[in-house]
Amino acid sequence: MSDARCMPVESGDDRVVKKLELAALAGLKEGATREQLQDTLDRLRQVLSRAKHRRLEPDDWALLTALIRAEMDEMA
């Protein structure tokens, strides 16, 4: 089942990765260490990889929901 409104993740990879990096920065509390930031970015990249392969894990949904809400708040 295909939907013309859906864009494959690969078509916007650079933009998606940049947004994930910005979300990681915004999501960390002030005073976070470089190691904490790197761990968060690594997790976001893993989620992105799983999304590309349509193999999201149950824990991924909370992160994706937060990213979508952040994007919606930014647009409002």
N, C-alpha and C. Protein backbone atom coordinates (compact mmCIF):
# COMPACT_ATOMS: atom_id res chain seq x y z
N MET A 1 0.84 -1.17 0.00
CA MET A 1 0.00 0.00 0.00
C MET A 1 0.89 1.24 0.00
N SER A 2 0.77 2.01 -1.06
CA SER A 2 1.60 3.20 -1.19
C SER A 2 0.74 4.45 -1.09
N ASP A 3 1.31 5.47 -0.54
CA ASP A 3 0.60 6.73 -0.39
C ASP A 3 1.49 7.82 -0.98
N ALA A 4 0.99 8.54 -1.96
CA ALA A 4 1.77 9.56 -2.64
C ALA A 4 2.21 10.67 -1.70
N ARG A 5 1.52 10.83 -0.56
CA ARG A 5 1.88 11.88 0.40
C ARG A 5 3.10 11.50 1.23
N CYS A 6 3.47 10.24 1.23
CA CYS A 6 4.59 9.77 2.05
C CYS A 6 5.89 9.89 1.28
N MET A 7 6.90 10.41 1.94
CA MET A 7 8.21 10.57 1.34
C MET A 7 9.14 9.56 1.99
N PRO A 8 9.86 8.76 1.19
CA PRO A 8 10.81 7.82 1.80
C PRO A 8 11.83 8.56 2.65
N VAL A 9 12.27 7.94 3.71
CA VAL A 9 13.25 8.57 4.60
C VAL A 9 14.50 8.95 3.83
N GLU A 10 14.92 8.11 2.88
CA GLU A 10 16.16 8.36 2.15
C GLU A 10 16.12 9.67 1.37
N SER A 11 14.96 10.11 0.93
CA SER A 11 14.88 11.29 0.09
C SER A 11 15.25 12.58 0.83
N GLY A 12 15.20 12.58 2.13
CA GLY A 12 15.54 13.78 2.89
C GLY A 12 16.56 13.52 3.96
N ASP A 13 17.45 12.54 3.74
CA ASP A 13 18.39 12.11 4.78
C ASP A 13 19.18 13.24 5.42
N ASP A 14 19.76 14.12 4.61
CA ASP A 14 20.59 15.19 5.18
C ASP A 14 19.77 16.09 6.09
N ARG A 15 18.57 16.44 5.66
CA ARG A 15 17.70 17.29 6.46
C ARG A 15 17.26 16.57 7.73
N VAL A 16 16.96 15.29 7.59
CA VAL A 16 16.52 14.50 8.75
C VAL A 16 17.64 14.39 9.77
N VAL A 17 18.85 14.08 9.31
CA VAL A 17 19.98 13.95 10.23
C VAL A 17 20.23 15.26 10.95
N LYS A 18 20.18 16.39 10.25
CA LYS A 18 20.40 17.69 10.87
C LYS A 18 19.33 17.96 11.93
N LYS A 19 18.06 17.64 11.62
CA LYS A 19 16.99 17.84 12.59
C LYS A 19 17.20 16.94 13.80
N LEU A 20 17.66 15.71 13.58
CA LEU A 20 17.91 14.80 14.70
C LEU A 20 19.02 15.34 15.59
N GLU A 21 20.06 15.89 14.96
CA GLU A 21 21.15 16.46 15.74
C GLU A 21 20.67 17.66 16.56
N LEU A 22 19.87 18.51 15.95
CA LEU A 22 19.32 19.66 16.68
C LEU A 22 18.40 19.22 17.80
N ALA A 23 17.62 18.17 17.55
CA ALA A 23 16.73 17.65 18.59
C ALA A 23 17.54 17.09 19.75
N ALA A 24 18.65 16.46 19.45
CA ALA A 24 19.50 15.93 20.51
C ALA A 24 20.04 17.06 21.37
N LEU A 25 20.49 18.12 20.71
CA LEU A 25 20.99 19.27 21.46
C LEU A 25 19.91 19.89 22.32
N ALA A 26 18.72 20.05 21.76
CA ALA A 26 17.63 20.67 22.49
C ALA A 26 17.14 19.79 23.62
N GLY A 27 17.24 18.49 23.45
CA GLY A 27 16.71 17.55 24.44
C GLY A 27 17.61 17.34 25.64
N LEU A 28 18.85 17.73 25.53
CA LEU A 28 19.77 17.54 26.64
C LEU A 28 19.67 18.70 27.61
N LYS A 29 19.74 18.39 28.88
CA LYS A 29 19.69 19.44 29.89
C LYS A 29 20.97 20.25 29.84
N GLU A 30 20.85 21.50 30.26
CA GLU A 30 22.01 22.37 30.31
C GLU A 30 23.08 21.71 31.17
N GLY A 31 24.30 21.75 30.70
CA GLY A 31 25.39 21.15 31.45
C GLY A 31 25.67 19.72 31.06
N ALA A 32 25.01 19.22 30.01
CA ALA A 32 25.25 17.84 29.57
C ALA A 32 26.68 17.73 29.05
N THR A 33 27.25 16.58 29.25
CA THR A 33 28.63 16.36 28.79
C THR A 33 28.64 16.03 27.31
N ARG A 34 29.81 16.18 26.70
CA ARG A 34 29.97 15.83 25.29
C ARG A 34 29.65 14.34 25.09
N GLU A 35 29.99 13.52 26.07
CA GLU A 35 29.71 12.09 25.99
C GLU A 35 28.20 11.83 25.96
N GLN A 36 27.44 12.56 26.78
CA GLN A 36 25.98 12.41 26.78
C GLN A 36 25.40 12.82 25.43
N LEU A 37 25.92 13.92 24.88
CA LEU A 37 25.45 14.37 23.58
C LEU A 37 25.76 13.32 22.52
N GLN A 38 26.97 12.78 22.54
CA GLN A 38 27.35 11.77 21.55
C GLN A 38 26.49 10.52 21.68
N ASP A 39 26.20 10.10 22.91
CA ASP A 39 25.33 8.94 23.13
C ASP A 39 23.93 9.19 22.55
N THR A 40 23.42 10.39 22.74
CA THR A 40 22.11 10.74 22.22
C THR A 40 22.11 10.74 20.69
N LEU A 41 23.13 11.33 20.11
CA LEU A 41 23.23 11.35 18.64
C LEU A 41 23.35 9.94 18.09
N ASP A 42 24.12 9.10 18.76
CA ASP A 42 24.25 7.70 18.31
C ASP A 42 22.90 7.00 18.34
N ARG A 43 22.14 7.23 19.40
CA ARG A 43 20.81 6.61 19.49
C ARG A 43 19.89 7.11 18.38
N LEU A 44 19.92 8.41 18.12
CA LEU A 44 19.10 8.97 17.06
C LEU A 44 19.48 8.40 15.69
N ARG A 45 20.76 8.25 15.46
CA ARG A 45 21.20 7.66 14.18
C ARG A 45 20.77 6.20 14.05
N GLN A 46 20.78 5.48 15.15
CA GLN A 46 20.32 4.09 15.13
C GLN A 46 18.82 4.03 14.82
N VAL A 47 18.05 4.92 15.42
CA VAL A 47 16.61 4.96 15.15
C VAL A 47 16.38 5.29 13.67
N LEU A 48 17.12 6.25 13.15
CA LEU A 48 16.98 6.62 11.74
C LEU A 48 17.29 5.42 10.84
N SER A 49 18.32 4.70 11.16
CA SER A 49 18.67 3.51 10.37
C SER A 49 17.56 2.47 10.42
N ARG A 50 17.01 2.24 11.61
CA ARG A 50 15.91 1.27 11.71
C ARG A 50 14.68 1.75 10.95
N ALA A 51 14.43 3.06 10.96
CA ALA A 51 13.28 3.60 10.24
C ALA A 51 13.45 3.38 8.73
N LYS A 52 14.65 3.58 8.24
CA LYS A 52 14.92 3.36 6.81
C LYS A 52 14.59 1.93 6.40
N HIS A 53 14.86 1.00 7.31
CA HIS A 53 14.63 -0.42 7.02
C HIS A 53 13.28 -0.91 7.51
N ARG A 54 12.45 0.04 7.96
CA ARG A 54 11.11 -0.27 8.47
C ARG A 54 11.15 -1.35 9.56
N ARG A 55 12.09 -1.15 10.49
CA ARG A 55 12.28 -2.09 11.60
C ARG A 55 12.37 -1.37 12.93
N LEU A 56 11.44 -0.46 13.17
CA LEU A 56 11.45 0.28 14.42
C LEU A 56 11.18 -0.65 15.60
N GLU A 57 11.79 -0.32 16.71
CA GLU A 57 11.60 -1.07 17.95
C GLU A 57 10.58 -0.32 18.82
N PRO A 58 9.95 -1.01 19.75
CA PRO A 58 8.93 -0.35 20.59
C PRO A 58 9.42 0.93 21.26
N ASP A 59 10.65 0.97 21.73
CA ASP A 59 11.18 2.17 22.40
C ASP A 59 11.38 3.34 21.45
N ASP A 60 11.46 3.07 20.15
CA ASP A 60 11.67 4.13 19.17
C ASP A 60 10.47 5.07 19.07
N TRP A 61 9.29 4.56 19.33
CA TRP A 61 8.07 5.35 19.13
C TRP A 61 8.00 6.56 20.05
N ALA A 62 8.45 6.46 21.27
CA ALA A 62 8.43 7.61 22.18
C ALA A 62 9.35 8.71 21.66
N LEU A 63 10.50 8.33 21.17
CA LEU A 63 11.44 9.31 20.63
C LEU A 63 10.85 9.97 19.38
N LEU A 64 10.29 9.20 18.49
CA LEU A 64 9.70 9.75 17.28
C LEU A 64 8.53 10.67 17.59
N THR A 65 7.72 10.29 18.56
CA THR A 65 6.61 11.13 18.98
C THR A 65 7.11 12.47 19.50
N ALA A 66 8.16 12.46 20.30
CA ALA A 66 8.74 13.70 20.82
C ALA A 66 9.29 14.57 19.70
N LEU A 67 9.94 13.97 18.73
CA LEU A 67 10.47 14.73 17.60
C LEU A 67 9.35 15.37 16.78
N ILE A 68 8.28 14.62 16.57
CA ILE A 68 7.15 15.16 15.81
C ILE A 68 6.50 16.31 16.57
N ARG A 69 6.34 16.14 17.88
CA ARG A 69 5.75 17.23 18.68
C ARG A 69 6.64 18.47 18.65
N ALA A 70 7.95 18.29 18.73
CA ALA A 70 8.88 19.42 18.69
C ALA A 70 8.78 20.12 17.35
N GLU A 71 8.66 19.37 16.28
CA GLU A 71 8.53 19.96 14.94
C GLU A 71 7.22 20.74 14.83
N MET A 72 6.14 20.17 15.37
CA MET A 72 4.85 20.85 15.33
C MET A 72 4.88 22.14 16.15
N ASP A 73 5.53 22.10 17.32
CA ASP A 73 5.64 23.30 18.16
C ASP A 73 6.43 24.39 17.43
N GLU A 74 7.46 23.97 16.70
CA GLU A 74 8.29 24.92 15.97
C GLU A 74 7.49 25.60 14.85
N MET A 75 6.54 24.87 14.27
CA MET A 75 5.74 25.40 13.16
C MET A 75 4.60 26.29 13.65
N ALA A 76 4.23 26.14 14.91
CA ALA A 76 3.07 26.91 15.42
C ALA A 76 3.42 28.34 15.71
